[in-house]
């Protein structure tokens, strides 16, 4: 049996439930090391989770959603194409006050929203699955690391009372990788899924699959 292997990144993140510029979105950290690591992998998977700090994410139709990006196309989007479509940094995540007005960019921890089904991304960014196991989803709901909150109008704003717990953030990433590992193992043609075992590695999982099967 002929088989192939490829490496992937997994971004377990609180679901971006509100639209940006009219598009559903996933988010990626705008750090040079993270962007360059994309060139070492075939795909980047985004796993959207609920967070009790953001009630609208709980039970949202996109909770548990798995979205796949071709890593090289994502790298090109972040370094070249995004600026052509959004020249005013419209997709860069903002600080926001409780009334919803922008307060400028927080360049200490920049993340960028990536639009799904946009003309510049729909060829390489798409939903590939949905995690529906209630136990797994509930576990992750209690591991919220969001620095954002929402008000009664469901407007998302930067909440300075919310502090990132790096220990929880690391555990959430590990739990998310385990969930996605089990998701991959259930896919037709997958032979093995091996984690990198290193939090500083440029990839998270290595997947071996039958060569004749469609890549997940």
N, C-alpha and C. Protein backbone atom coordinates (compact mmCIF):
# COMPACT_ATOMS: atom_id res chain seq x y z
N UNK A 1 0.84 -1.20 0.00
CA UNK A 1 0.00 0.00 0.00
C UNK A 1 0.87 1.25 0.00
N UNK A 2 0.63 2.11 -0.96
CA UNK A 2 1.35 3.37 -1.02
C UNK A 2 0.75 4.36 -0.03
N UNK A 3 1.60 5.06 0.69
CA UNK A 3 1.10 6.05 1.64
C UNK A 3 1.93 7.33 1.54
N UNK A 4 1.37 8.40 2.07
CA UNK A 4 2.06 9.68 2.11
C UNK A 4 1.89 10.29 3.50
N UNK A 5 2.78 11.20 3.84
CA UNK A 5 2.71 11.89 5.11
C UNK A 5 2.75 13.40 4.88
N UNK A 6 2.06 14.12 5.74
CA UNK A 6 2.17 15.57 5.71
C UNK A 6 1.99 16.11 7.12
N UNK A 7 2.51 17.30 7.34
CA UNK A 7 2.44 17.95 8.65
C UNK A 7 1.41 19.09 8.62
N UNK A 8 0.78 19.32 9.78
CA UNK A 8 -0.24 20.37 9.87
C UNK A 8 -0.06 21.17 11.15
N UNK A 9 -0.59 22.38 11.13
CA UNK A 9 -0.77 23.17 12.34
C UNK A 9 -2.24 23.06 12.75
N UNK A 10 -2.50 23.19 14.05
CA UNK A 10 -3.87 23.21 14.57
C UNK A 10 -4.03 24.45 15.43
N UNK A 11 -5.00 25.30 15.07
CA UNK A 11 -5.28 26.50 15.85
C UNK A 11 -6.63 26.31 16.55
N UNK A 12 -6.57 25.95 17.82
CA UNK A 12 -7.78 25.84 18.63
C UNK A 12 -8.10 27.21 19.18
N UNK A 13 -9.26 27.75 18.83
CA UNK A 13 -9.54 29.14 19.17
C UNK A 13 -11.01 29.35 19.50
N UNK A 14 -11.25 30.32 20.37
CA UNK A 14 -12.62 30.70 20.65
C UNK A 14 -13.28 31.14 19.35
N UNK A 15 -14.44 30.58 19.10
CA UNK A 15 -15.15 30.83 17.85
C UNK A 15 -15.34 32.32 17.59
N UNK A 16 -14.98 32.74 16.39
CA UNK A 16 -15.26 34.11 15.95
C UNK A 16 -16.68 34.10 15.38
N UNK A 17 -17.66 34.35 16.25
CA UNK A 17 -19.06 34.13 15.86
C UNK A 17 -19.67 35.29 15.09
N UNK A 18 -19.09 36.49 15.20
CA UNK A 18 -19.65 37.64 14.51
C UNK A 18 -18.94 37.83 13.16
N UNK A 19 -19.63 38.46 12.23
CA UNK A 19 -19.08 38.68 10.91
C UNK A 19 -18.09 39.83 10.91
N UNK A 20 -17.13 39.77 10.01
CA UNK A 20 -16.20 40.88 9.79
C UNK A 20 -16.24 41.20 8.31
N UNK A 21 -16.62 42.45 8.01
CA UNK A 21 -16.76 42.88 6.62
C UNK A 21 -17.74 41.97 5.86
N UNK A 22 -18.72 41.43 6.61
CA UNK A 22 -19.75 40.60 6.00
C UNK A 22 -19.38 39.14 5.84
N UNK A 23 -18.22 38.72 6.36
CA UNK A 23 -17.75 37.34 6.18
C UNK A 23 -17.62 36.61 7.51
N UNK A 24 -17.92 35.31 7.49
CA UNK A 24 -17.53 34.46 8.60
C UNK A 24 -16.00 34.37 8.56
N UNK A 25 -15.40 34.19 9.74
CA UNK A 25 -13.94 34.32 9.81
C UNK A 25 -13.32 33.26 10.72
N UNK A 26 -12.05 33.05 10.51
CA UNK A 26 -11.16 32.40 11.46
C UNK A 26 -10.03 33.39 11.72
N UNK A 27 -9.19 33.12 12.70
CA UNK A 27 -8.16 34.11 13.05
C UNK A 27 -6.78 33.45 13.14
N UNK A 28 -5.76 34.24 12.80
CA UNK A 28 -4.39 33.75 12.81
C UNK A 28 -3.51 34.81 13.46
N UNK A 29 -2.53 34.40 14.29
CA UNK A 29 -1.63 35.37 14.93
C UNK A 29 -0.68 36.02 13.93
N UNK A 30 -0.64 37.34 13.93
CA UNK A 30 0.23 38.07 13.01
C UNK A 30 1.62 38.24 13.61
N UNK A 31 2.28 37.12 13.82
CA UNK A 31 3.64 37.12 14.31
C UNK A 31 4.51 36.46 13.25
N UNK A 32 5.66 37.02 13.00
CA UNK A 32 6.49 36.56 11.90
C UNK A 32 6.84 35.08 12.03
N UNK A 33 7.16 34.64 13.24
CA UNK A 33 7.53 33.23 13.42
C UNK A 33 6.37 32.32 13.08
N UNK A 34 5.16 32.70 13.48
CA UNK A 34 3.98 31.88 13.19
C UNK A 34 3.71 31.85 11.68
N UNK A 35 3.86 32.99 11.05
CA UNK A 35 3.61 33.07 9.60
C UNK A 35 4.64 32.23 8.84
N UNK A 36 5.90 32.32 9.22
CA UNK A 36 6.95 31.56 8.53
C UNK A 36 6.81 30.05 8.76
N UNK A 37 6.28 29.67 9.92
CA UNK A 37 6.08 28.25 10.20
C UNK A 37 5.10 27.61 9.22
N UNK A 38 4.23 28.42 8.62
CA UNK A 38 3.28 27.88 7.66
C UNK A 38 3.99 27.20 6.49
N UNK A 39 5.18 27.67 6.16
CA UNK A 39 5.92 27.11 5.03
C UNK A 39 6.48 25.72 5.33
N UNK A 40 6.36 25.29 6.59
CA UNK A 40 6.84 23.97 6.99
C UNK A 40 5.71 22.95 7.05
N UNK A 41 4.48 23.36 6.73
CA UNK A 41 3.33 22.46 6.84
C UNK A 41 2.52 22.48 5.55
N UNK A 42 1.67 21.47 5.41
CA UNK A 42 0.80 21.39 4.23
C UNK A 42 -0.51 22.13 4.46
N UNK A 43 -1.08 21.94 5.68
CA UNK A 43 -2.36 22.57 6.01
C UNK A 43 -2.31 23.22 7.38
N UNK A 44 -3.18 24.19 7.57
CA UNK A 44 -3.44 24.77 8.89
C UNK A 44 -4.92 24.58 9.16
N UNK A 45 -5.23 23.92 10.28
CA UNK A 45 -6.62 23.67 10.65
C UNK A 45 -7.04 24.61 11.78
N UNK A 46 -8.22 25.19 11.64
CA UNK A 46 -8.79 26.06 12.66
C UNK A 46 -9.97 25.33 13.31
N UNK A 47 -9.92 25.20 14.62
CA UNK A 47 -10.94 24.50 15.39
C UNK A 47 -11.63 25.51 16.30
N UNK A 48 -12.89 25.85 15.98
CA UNK A 48 -13.62 26.87 16.72
C UNK A 48 -14.37 26.29 17.91
N UNK A 49 -14.13 26.87 19.09
CA UNK A 49 -14.74 26.35 20.31
C UNK A 49 -15.61 27.40 20.99
N UNK A 50 -16.50 26.91 21.85
CA UNK A 50 -17.30 27.81 22.67
C UNK A 50 -16.51 28.30 23.87
N UNK A 51 -16.97 29.39 24.47
CA UNK A 51 -16.28 30.00 25.61
C UNK A 51 -17.35 30.66 26.47
N UNK A 52 -17.47 30.21 27.72
CA UNK A 52 -18.51 30.77 28.59
C UNK A 52 -18.30 32.26 28.87
N UNK A 53 -17.09 32.78 28.59
CA UNK A 53 -16.88 34.23 28.69
C UNK A 53 -17.57 34.98 27.56
N UNK A 54 -17.91 34.26 26.50
CA UNK A 54 -18.61 34.84 25.35
C UNK A 54 -19.87 34.00 25.09
N UNK A 55 -20.95 34.26 25.81
CA UNK A 55 -22.16 33.42 25.73
C UNK A 55 -22.67 33.15 24.32
N UNK A 56 -22.57 34.10 23.37
CA UNK A 56 -23.10 33.79 22.03
C UNK A 56 -22.39 32.63 21.33
N UNK A 57 -21.20 32.25 21.82
CA UNK A 57 -20.49 31.14 21.18
C UNK A 57 -21.04 29.78 21.61
N UNK A 58 -21.76 29.75 22.74
CA UNK A 58 -22.25 28.47 23.27
C UNK A 58 -23.44 27.99 22.46
N UNK A 59 -23.29 26.82 21.86
CA UNK A 59 -24.35 26.27 21.04
C UNK A 59 -24.49 26.93 19.68
N UNK A 60 -23.55 27.80 19.34
CA UNK A 60 -23.59 28.44 18.02
C UNK A 60 -23.44 27.37 16.94
N UNK A 61 -24.05 27.58 15.79
CA UNK A 61 -24.01 26.58 14.72
C UNK A 61 -22.58 26.30 14.25
N UNK A 62 -21.65 27.22 14.51
CA UNK A 62 -20.26 27.01 14.09
C UNK A 62 -19.39 26.45 15.22
N UNK A 63 -19.96 26.25 16.42
CA UNK A 63 -19.16 25.68 17.50
C UNK A 63 -18.73 24.27 17.11
N UNK A 64 -17.45 23.98 17.23
CA UNK A 64 -16.92 22.69 16.83
C UNK A 64 -16.50 22.61 15.37
N UNK A 65 -16.63 23.70 14.66
CA UNK A 65 -16.31 23.73 13.24
C UNK A 65 -14.81 23.54 13.00
N UNK A 66 -14.50 22.76 11.97
CA UNK A 66 -13.11 22.55 11.55
C UNK A 66 -12.95 23.17 10.16
N UNK A 67 -12.05 24.14 10.05
CA UNK A 67 -11.80 24.83 8.79
C UNK A 67 -10.35 24.58 8.39
N UNK A 68 -10.13 24.23 7.13
CA UNK A 68 -8.79 23.91 6.65
C UNK A 68 -8.30 24.97 5.67
N UNK A 69 -7.05 25.38 5.86
CA UNK A 69 -6.38 26.29 4.93
C UNK A 69 -5.15 25.61 4.37
N UNK A 70 -4.92 25.77 3.08
CA UNK A 70 -3.65 25.37 2.50
C UNK A 70 -2.58 26.32 3.06
N UNK A 71 -1.57 25.77 3.67
CA UNK A 71 -0.60 26.60 4.41
C UNK A 71 0.13 27.60 3.52
N UNK A 72 0.56 27.17 2.35
CA UNK A 72 1.30 28.09 1.47
C UNK A 72 0.40 29.20 0.95
N UNK A 73 -0.86 28.88 0.67
CA UNK A 73 -1.79 29.92 0.23
C UNK A 73 -2.10 30.88 1.38
N UNK A 74 -2.20 30.34 2.58
CA UNK A 74 -2.44 31.20 3.74
C UNK A 74 -1.24 32.13 3.96
N UNK A 75 -0.04 31.62 3.82
CA UNK A 75 1.16 32.45 3.94
C UNK A 75 1.12 33.58 2.92
N UNK A 76 0.78 33.25 1.68
CA UNK A 76 0.71 34.27 0.63
C UNK A 76 -0.38 35.30 0.94
N UNK A 77 -1.50 34.85 1.50
CA UNK A 77 -2.58 35.77 1.86
C UNK A 77 -2.10 36.76 2.92
N UNK A 78 -1.42 36.26 3.93
CA UNK A 78 -0.99 37.10 5.05
C UNK A 78 0.13 38.07 4.64
N UNK A 79 0.98 37.65 3.74
CA UNK A 79 2.14 38.47 3.38
C UNK A 79 1.93 39.32 2.14
N UNK A 80 0.96 38.96 1.28
CA UNK A 80 0.78 39.69 0.03
C UNK A 80 -0.68 40.07 -0.25
N UNK A 81 -1.53 39.05 -0.39
CA UNK A 81 -2.86 39.28 -0.97
C UNK A 81 -3.82 40.03 -0.06
N UNK A 82 -3.74 39.81 1.25
CA UNK A 82 -4.69 40.46 2.16
C UNK A 82 -4.67 41.98 2.00
N UNK A 83 -3.49 42.53 1.87
CA UNK A 83 -3.36 43.98 1.74
C UNK A 83 -3.97 44.53 0.47
N UNK A 84 -4.08 43.69 -0.56
CA UNK A 84 -4.69 44.12 -1.80
C UNK A 84 -6.22 44.25 -1.65
N UNK A 85 -6.80 43.32 -0.89
CA UNK A 85 -8.25 43.32 -0.70
C UNK A 85 -8.68 44.22 0.46
N UNK A 86 -7.83 44.32 1.48
CA UNK A 86 -8.16 45.10 2.67
C UNK A 86 -7.00 46.04 2.98
N UNK A 87 -6.84 47.10 2.21
CA UNK A 87 -5.67 47.98 2.33
C UNK A 87 -5.64 48.81 3.62
N UNK A 88 -6.76 48.89 4.32
CA UNK A 88 -6.82 49.70 5.54
C UNK A 88 -6.82 48.86 6.81
N UNK A 89 -6.28 47.64 6.71
CA UNK A 89 -6.19 46.75 7.87
C UNK A 89 -7.56 46.42 8.48
N UNK A 90 -8.57 46.32 7.61
CA UNK A 90 -9.92 46.06 8.12
C UNK A 90 -10.04 44.72 8.83
N UNK A 91 -9.14 43.80 8.54
CA UNK A 91 -9.22 42.47 9.13
C UNK A 91 -8.32 42.30 10.36
N UNK A 92 -7.57 43.32 10.70
CA UNK A 92 -6.75 43.25 11.91
C UNK A 92 -7.65 43.43 13.11
N UNK A 93 -7.52 42.55 14.10
CA UNK A 93 -8.39 42.62 15.26
C UNK A 93 -8.11 43.88 16.07
N UNK A 94 -9.20 44.54 16.51
CA UNK A 94 -9.11 45.82 17.20
C UNK A 94 -9.39 45.68 18.69
N UNK A 95 -8.89 46.66 19.44
CA UNK A 95 -9.46 46.91 20.75
C UNK A 95 -10.83 47.55 20.52
N UNK A 96 -11.76 47.28 21.40
CA UNK A 96 -13.07 47.93 21.28
C UNK A 96 -13.57 48.29 22.68
N UNK A 97 -14.23 49.40 22.77
CA UNK A 97 -14.81 49.82 24.03
C UNK A 97 -16.16 49.14 24.19
N UNK A 98 -16.79 49.31 25.34
CA UNK A 98 -18.04 48.61 25.60
C UNK A 98 -19.19 49.11 24.74
N UNK A 99 -19.07 50.28 24.17
CA UNK A 99 -20.13 50.75 23.28
C UNK A 99 -19.87 50.37 21.84
N UNK A 100 -18.80 49.60 21.62
CA UNK A 100 -18.55 49.07 20.29
C UNK A 100 -17.68 49.93 19.41
N UNK A 101 -17.26 51.11 19.89
CA UNK A 101 -16.43 51.97 19.06
C UNK A 101 -14.97 51.52 19.10
N UNK A 102 -14.31 51.59 17.97
CA UNK A 102 -12.92 51.18 17.88
C UNK A 102 -12.02 52.13 18.67
N UNK A 103 -10.99 51.55 19.27
CA UNK A 103 -10.03 52.35 20.02
C UNK A 103 -8.63 52.16 19.46
N UNK A 104 -8.51 51.74 18.23
CA UNK A 104 -7.19 51.56 17.63
C UNK A 104 -6.71 50.13 17.73
N UNK A 105 -5.56 49.87 17.15
CA UNK A 105 -5.04 48.52 17.08
C UNK A 105 -4.17 48.20 18.28
N UNK A 106 -4.26 46.96 18.74
CA UNK A 106 -3.40 46.49 19.82
C UNK A 106 -2.26 45.69 19.20
N UNK A 107 -1.13 46.34 18.98
CA UNK A 107 -0.03 45.69 18.29
C UNK A 107 0.81 44.82 19.22
N UNK A 108 0.46 44.76 20.51
CA UNK A 108 1.18 43.87 21.42
C UNK A 108 0.83 42.42 21.14
N UNK A 109 -0.37 42.16 20.67
CA UNK A 109 -0.83 40.80 20.42
C UNK A 109 -1.72 40.80 19.19
N UNK A 110 -1.15 41.08 18.03
CA UNK A 110 -1.97 41.24 16.83
C UNK A 110 -2.46 39.91 16.26
N UNK A 111 -3.73 39.84 15.94
CA UNK A 111 -4.33 38.72 15.24
C UNK A 111 -5.06 39.28 14.04
N UNK A 112 -5.16 38.47 13.01
CA UNK A 112 -5.85 38.92 11.82
C UNK A 112 -7.01 37.96 11.53
N UNK A 113 -8.14 38.52 11.15
CA UNK A 113 -9.29 37.72 10.77
C UNK A 113 -9.18 37.35 9.29
N UNK A 114 -9.47 36.11 8.98
CA UNK A 114 -9.36 35.61 7.61
C UNK A 114 -10.77 35.25 7.13
N UNK A 115 -11.25 35.88 6.07
CA UNK A 115 -12.63 35.68 5.63
C UNK A 115 -12.82 34.36 4.88
N UNK A 116 -13.89 33.66 5.24
CA UNK A 116 -14.26 32.42 4.56
C UNK A 116 -15.19 32.76 3.40
N UNK A 117 -15.01 32.07 2.27
CA UNK A 117 -15.83 32.30 1.06
C UNK A 117 -15.62 33.68 0.44
N UNK A 118 -14.49 34.28 0.73
CA UNK A 118 -14.10 35.52 0.07
C UNK A 118 -13.46 35.14 -1.27
N UNK A 119 -13.54 36.01 -2.25
CA UNK A 119 -13.00 35.67 -3.57
C UNK A 119 -11.50 35.37 -3.54
N UNK A 120 -10.81 35.93 -2.55
CA UNK A 120 -9.38 35.70 -2.46
C UNK A 120 -9.00 34.48 -1.63
N UNK A 121 -9.98 33.84 -0.94
CA UNK A 121 -9.65 32.71 -0.07
C UNK A 121 -10.42 31.43 -0.38
N UNK A 122 -11.52 31.54 -1.12
CA UNK A 122 -12.41 30.37 -1.26
C UNK A 122 -11.78 29.22 -2.02
N UNK A 123 -10.68 29.46 -2.71
CA UNK A 123 -10.01 28.36 -3.40
C UNK A 123 -9.16 27.51 -2.49
N UNK A 124 -8.84 27.99 -1.28
CA UNK A 124 -7.94 27.25 -0.41
C UNK A 124 -8.33 27.24 1.07
N UNK A 125 -9.44 27.89 1.40
CA UNK A 125 -9.91 27.93 2.79
C UNK A 125 -11.35 27.44 2.82
N UNK A 126 -11.61 26.33 3.53
CA UNK A 126 -12.97 25.79 3.53
C UNK A 126 -13.23 24.94 4.77
N UNK A 127 -14.51 24.85 5.12
CA UNK A 127 -14.92 23.98 6.21
C UNK A 127 -14.80 22.54 5.75
N UNK A 128 -14.16 21.70 6.59
CA UNK A 128 -14.00 20.29 6.24
C UNK A 128 -14.71 19.36 7.21
N UNK A 129 -15.17 19.88 8.35
CA UNK A 129 -15.82 18.99 9.32
C UNK A 129 -16.40 19.73 10.50
N UNK A 130 -16.99 18.97 11.42
CA UNK A 130 -17.62 19.53 12.61
C UNK A 130 -17.46 18.55 13.76
N UNK A 131 -16.91 19.03 14.86
CA UNK A 131 -16.83 18.22 16.07
C UNK A 131 -18.16 18.35 16.80
N UNK A 132 -18.81 17.23 17.07
CA UNK A 132 -20.15 17.27 17.68
C UNK A 132 -20.22 16.60 19.04
N UNK A 133 -19.12 15.98 19.46
CA UNK A 133 -19.13 15.30 20.75
C UNK A 133 -19.37 16.31 21.88
N UNK A 134 -20.47 16.15 22.60
CA UNK A 134 -20.87 17.14 23.61
C UNK A 134 -19.88 17.22 24.76
N UNK A 135 -19.29 16.10 25.13
CA UNK A 135 -18.33 16.10 26.23
C UNK A 135 -17.09 16.90 25.87
N UNK A 136 -16.59 16.70 24.66
CA UNK A 136 -15.40 17.43 24.21
C UNK A 136 -15.68 18.92 24.11
N UNK A 137 -16.83 19.27 23.55
CA UNK A 137 -17.17 20.69 23.39
C UNK A 137 -17.35 21.36 24.75
N UNK A 138 -18.00 20.66 25.68
CA UNK A 138 -18.23 21.24 27.01
C UNK A 138 -16.91 21.46 27.75
N UNK A 139 -16.00 20.51 27.63
CA UNK A 139 -14.68 20.65 28.26
C UNK A 139 -13.99 21.93 27.80
N UNK A 140 -14.01 22.16 26.50
CA UNK A 140 -13.33 23.32 25.94
C UNK A 140 -14.04 24.62 26.28
N UNK A 141 -15.34 24.58 26.51
CA UNK A 141 -16.07 25.79 26.90
C UNK A 141 -15.56 26.35 28.22
N UNK A 142 -15.02 25.49 29.07
CA UNK A 142 -14.51 25.92 30.38
C UNK A 142 -13.05 26.34 30.31
N UNK A 143 -12.47 26.33 29.13
CA UNK A 143 -11.06 26.67 28.98
C UNK A 143 -10.91 27.94 28.17
N UNK A 144 -11.86 28.84 28.31
CA UNK A 144 -11.83 30.08 27.56
C UNK A 144 -10.62 30.92 27.90
N UNK A 145 -9.97 31.45 26.89
CA UNK A 145 -8.83 32.33 27.09
C UNK A 145 -9.06 33.67 26.43
N UNK A 146 -10.33 33.96 26.10
CA UNK A 146 -10.61 35.16 25.33
C UNK A 146 -10.36 36.42 26.14
N UNK A 147 -9.78 37.43 25.49
CA UNK A 147 -9.62 38.76 26.08
C UNK A 147 -10.79 39.66 25.72
N UNK A 148 -11.80 39.05 25.09
CA UNK A 148 -12.95 39.82 24.64
C UNK A 148 -14.20 39.39 25.39
N UNK A 149 -15.16 40.28 25.46
CA UNK A 149 -16.46 39.99 26.05
C UNK A 149 -17.52 40.51 25.10
N UNK A 150 -18.78 40.26 25.44
CA UNK A 150 -19.86 40.77 24.62
C UNK A 150 -20.90 41.41 25.52
N UNK A 151 -21.61 42.41 24.98
CA UNK A 151 -22.66 43.06 25.76
C UNK A 151 -24.02 42.52 25.34
N UNK A 152 -25.09 43.13 25.85
CA UNK A 152 -26.44 42.61 25.59
C UNK A 152 -26.79 42.67 24.11
N UNK A 153 -26.12 43.51 23.36
CA UNK A 153 -26.38 43.61 21.93
C UNK A 153 -25.46 42.67 21.13
N UNK A 154 -24.71 41.81 21.87
CA UNK A 154 -23.77 40.87 21.26
C UNK A 154 -22.63 41.56 20.53
N UNK A 155 -22.35 42.81 20.92
CA UNK A 155 -21.19 43.50 20.37
C UNK A 155 -19.94 43.03 21.10
N UNK A 156 -18.94 42.63 20.36
CA UNK A 156 -17.70 42.15 20.95
C UNK A 156 -16.79 43.33 21.25
N UNK A 157 -16.19 43.33 22.45
CA UNK A 157 -15.27 44.40 22.80
C UNK A 157 -14.11 43.84 23.61
N UNK A 158 -13.00 44.55 23.57
CA UNK A 158 -11.83 44.16 24.35
C UNK A 158 -12.11 44.47 25.82
N UNK A 159 -12.05 43.43 26.65
CA UNK A 159 -12.35 43.58 28.06
C UNK A 159 -11.04 43.48 28.84
N UNK A 160 -10.60 44.60 29.38
CA UNK A 160 -9.31 44.61 30.06
C UNK A 160 -9.33 43.85 31.39
N UNK A 161 -10.53 43.46 31.86
CA UNK A 161 -10.61 42.65 33.08
C UNK A 161 -10.23 41.20 32.78
N UNK A 162 -10.35 40.81 31.53
CA UNK A 162 -10.01 39.43 31.16
C UNK A 162 -8.52 39.33 30.91
N UNK A 163 -7.86 38.52 31.71
CA UNK A 163 -6.42 38.33 31.57
C UNK A 163 -6.14 36.94 31.01
N UNK A 164 -5.20 36.87 30.09
CA UNK A 164 -4.84 35.59 29.50
C UNK A 164 -4.11 34.75 30.54
N UNK A 165 -4.57 33.53 30.76
CA UNK A 165 -3.90 32.55 31.60
C UNK A 165 -3.12 31.65 30.64
N UNK A 166 -1.81 31.82 30.59
CA UNK A 166 -1.02 31.08 29.60
C UNK A 166 -1.05 29.58 29.86
N UNK A 167 -1.21 29.19 31.13
CA UNK A 167 -1.31 27.76 31.44
C UNK A 167 -2.59 27.17 30.85
N UNK A 168 -3.71 27.90 31.03
CA UNK A 168 -4.97 27.44 30.47
C UNK A 168 -4.89 27.44 28.95
N UNK A 169 -4.28 28.47 28.38
CA UNK A 169 -4.17 28.58 26.94
C UNK A 169 -3.39 27.39 26.38
N UNK A 170 -2.31 27.02 27.06
CA UNK A 170 -1.53 25.87 26.61
C UNK A 170 -2.31 24.58 26.72
N UNK A 171 -3.06 24.42 27.82
CA UNK A 171 -3.87 23.21 28.00
C UNK A 171 -4.97 23.14 26.96
N UNK A 172 -5.57 24.29 26.65
CA UNK A 172 -6.63 24.30 25.64
C UNK A 172 -6.07 23.87 24.29
N UNK A 173 -4.88 24.34 23.95
CA UNK A 173 -4.27 23.95 22.70
C UNK A 173 -4.00 22.46 22.65
N UNK A 174 -3.54 21.89 23.77
CA UNK A 174 -3.28 20.46 23.84
C UNK A 174 -4.56 19.65 23.71
N UNK A 175 -5.61 20.07 24.43
CA UNK A 175 -6.89 19.38 24.36
C UNK A 175 -7.45 19.46 22.94
N UNK A 176 -7.34 20.65 22.33
CA UNK A 176 -7.81 20.81 20.96
C UNK A 176 -7.08 19.89 19.99
N UNK A 177 -5.77 19.76 20.15
CA UNK A 177 -5.00 18.87 19.29
C UNK A 177 -5.45 17.42 19.46
N UNK A 178 -5.76 17.04 20.71
CA UNK A 178 -6.23 15.68 20.95
C UNK A 178 -7.57 15.43 20.28
N UNK A 179 -8.45 16.41 20.34
CA UNK A 179 -9.76 16.28 19.70
C UNK A 179 -9.59 16.15 18.19
N UNK A 180 -8.75 17.00 17.62
CA UNK A 180 -8.53 16.96 16.17
C UNK A 180 -7.80 15.68 15.76
N UNK A 181 -6.91 15.18 16.61
CA UNK A 181 -6.25 13.91 16.33
C UNK A 181 -7.29 12.80 16.18
N UNK A 182 -8.24 12.73 17.12
CA UNK A 182 -9.29 11.71 17.05
C UNK A 182 -10.17 11.92 15.82
N UNK A 183 -10.40 13.18 15.47
CA UNK A 183 -11.18 13.50 14.27
C UNK A 183 -10.48 12.95 13.02
N UNK A 184 -9.17 13.16 12.92
CA UNK A 184 -8.42 12.68 11.77
C UNK A 184 -8.43 11.14 11.70
N UNK A 185 -8.27 10.51 12.85
CA UNK A 185 -8.19 9.05 12.88
C UNK A 185 -9.46 8.39 12.36
N UNK A 186 -10.56 9.11 12.42
CA UNK A 186 -11.83 8.55 11.95
C UNK A 186 -12.05 8.75 10.45
N UNK A 187 -11.15 9.51 9.82
CA UNK A 187 -11.33 9.80 8.40
C UNK A 187 -10.86 8.64 7.53
N UNK A 188 -11.59 8.33 6.46
CA UNK A 188 -11.20 7.22 5.56
C UNK A 188 -9.79 7.44 5.00
N UNK A 189 -8.99 6.39 5.03
CA UNK A 189 -7.67 6.46 4.43
C UNK A 189 -6.56 6.90 5.36
N UNK A 190 -6.89 7.38 6.55
CA UNK A 190 -5.86 7.81 7.49
C UNK A 190 -5.25 6.59 8.18
N UNK A 191 -3.93 6.50 8.13
CA UNK A 191 -3.22 5.37 8.71
C UNK A 191 -2.76 5.69 10.13
N UNK A 192 -2.19 6.89 10.32
CA UNK A 192 -1.70 7.27 11.65
C UNK A 192 -1.69 8.79 11.79
N UNK A 193 -1.76 9.23 13.04
CA UNK A 193 -1.65 10.65 13.38
C UNK A 193 -0.68 10.76 14.55
N UNK A 194 0.41 11.49 14.35
CA UNK A 194 1.46 11.58 15.37
C UNK A 194 1.67 13.03 15.77
N UNK A 195 1.55 13.36 17.07
CA UNK A 195 1.81 14.73 17.51
C UNK A 195 3.30 15.03 17.53
N UNK A 196 3.65 16.31 17.41
CA UNK A 196 5.06 16.69 17.43
C UNK A 196 5.67 16.46 18.81
N UNK A 197 4.86 16.64 19.85
CA UNK A 197 5.36 16.47 21.21
C UNK A 197 6.21 17.62 21.71
N UNK A 198 6.26 18.69 20.95
CA UNK A 198 7.10 19.85 21.29
C UNK A 198 6.28 21.12 21.08
N UNK A 199 6.04 21.86 22.16
CA UNK A 199 5.22 23.07 22.05
C UNK A 199 5.88 24.13 21.17
N UNK A 200 7.20 24.01 20.95
CA UNK A 200 7.90 24.99 20.13
C UNK A 200 8.12 24.50 18.69
N UNK A 201 7.57 23.35 18.36
CA UNK A 201 7.74 22.82 17.01
C UNK A 201 7.00 23.68 16.00
N UNK A 202 7.42 23.58 14.74
CA UNK A 202 6.81 24.37 13.68
C UNK A 202 5.55 23.70 13.13
N UNK A 203 5.24 22.51 13.65
CA UNK A 203 4.04 21.78 13.24
C UNK A 203 3.46 21.10 14.47
N UNK A 204 2.20 20.72 14.39
CA UNK A 204 1.53 20.10 15.53
C UNK A 204 1.29 18.60 15.34
N UNK A 205 0.85 18.21 14.14
CA UNK A 205 0.53 16.81 13.88
C UNK A 205 1.13 16.38 12.54
N UNK A 206 1.55 15.12 12.48
CA UNK A 206 1.96 14.52 11.22
C UNK A 206 0.96 13.42 10.89
N UNK A 207 0.39 13.48 9.69
CA UNK A 207 -0.66 12.56 9.28
C UNK A 207 -0.15 11.68 8.14
N UNK A 208 -0.33 10.38 8.30
CA UNK A 208 -0.02 9.44 7.23
C UNK A 208 -1.33 8.92 6.67
N UNK A 209 -1.45 8.91 5.38
CA UNK A 209 -2.71 8.49 4.77
C UNK A 209 -2.43 7.72 3.48
N UNK A 210 -3.43 6.95 3.05
CA UNK A 210 -3.31 6.19 1.82
C UNK A 210 -3.21 7.14 0.64
N UNK A 211 -2.24 6.90 -0.21
CA UNK A 211 -1.95 7.83 -1.31
C UNK A 211 -3.13 8.06 -2.23
N UNK A 212 -3.97 7.04 -2.42
CA UNK A 212 -5.06 7.14 -3.37
C UNK A 212 -6.30 7.81 -2.77
N UNK A 213 -6.29 8.07 -1.47
CA UNK A 213 -7.44 8.69 -0.84
C UNK A 213 -7.32 10.21 -0.93
N UNK A 214 -8.48 10.87 -0.91
CA UNK A 214 -8.49 12.34 -0.92
C UNK A 214 -7.98 12.86 0.41
N UNK A 215 -7.15 13.87 0.36
CA UNK A 215 -6.62 14.47 1.58
C UNK A 215 -7.76 15.12 2.36
N UNK A 216 -7.80 14.90 3.66
CA UNK A 216 -8.88 15.42 4.49
C UNK A 216 -8.84 16.94 4.60
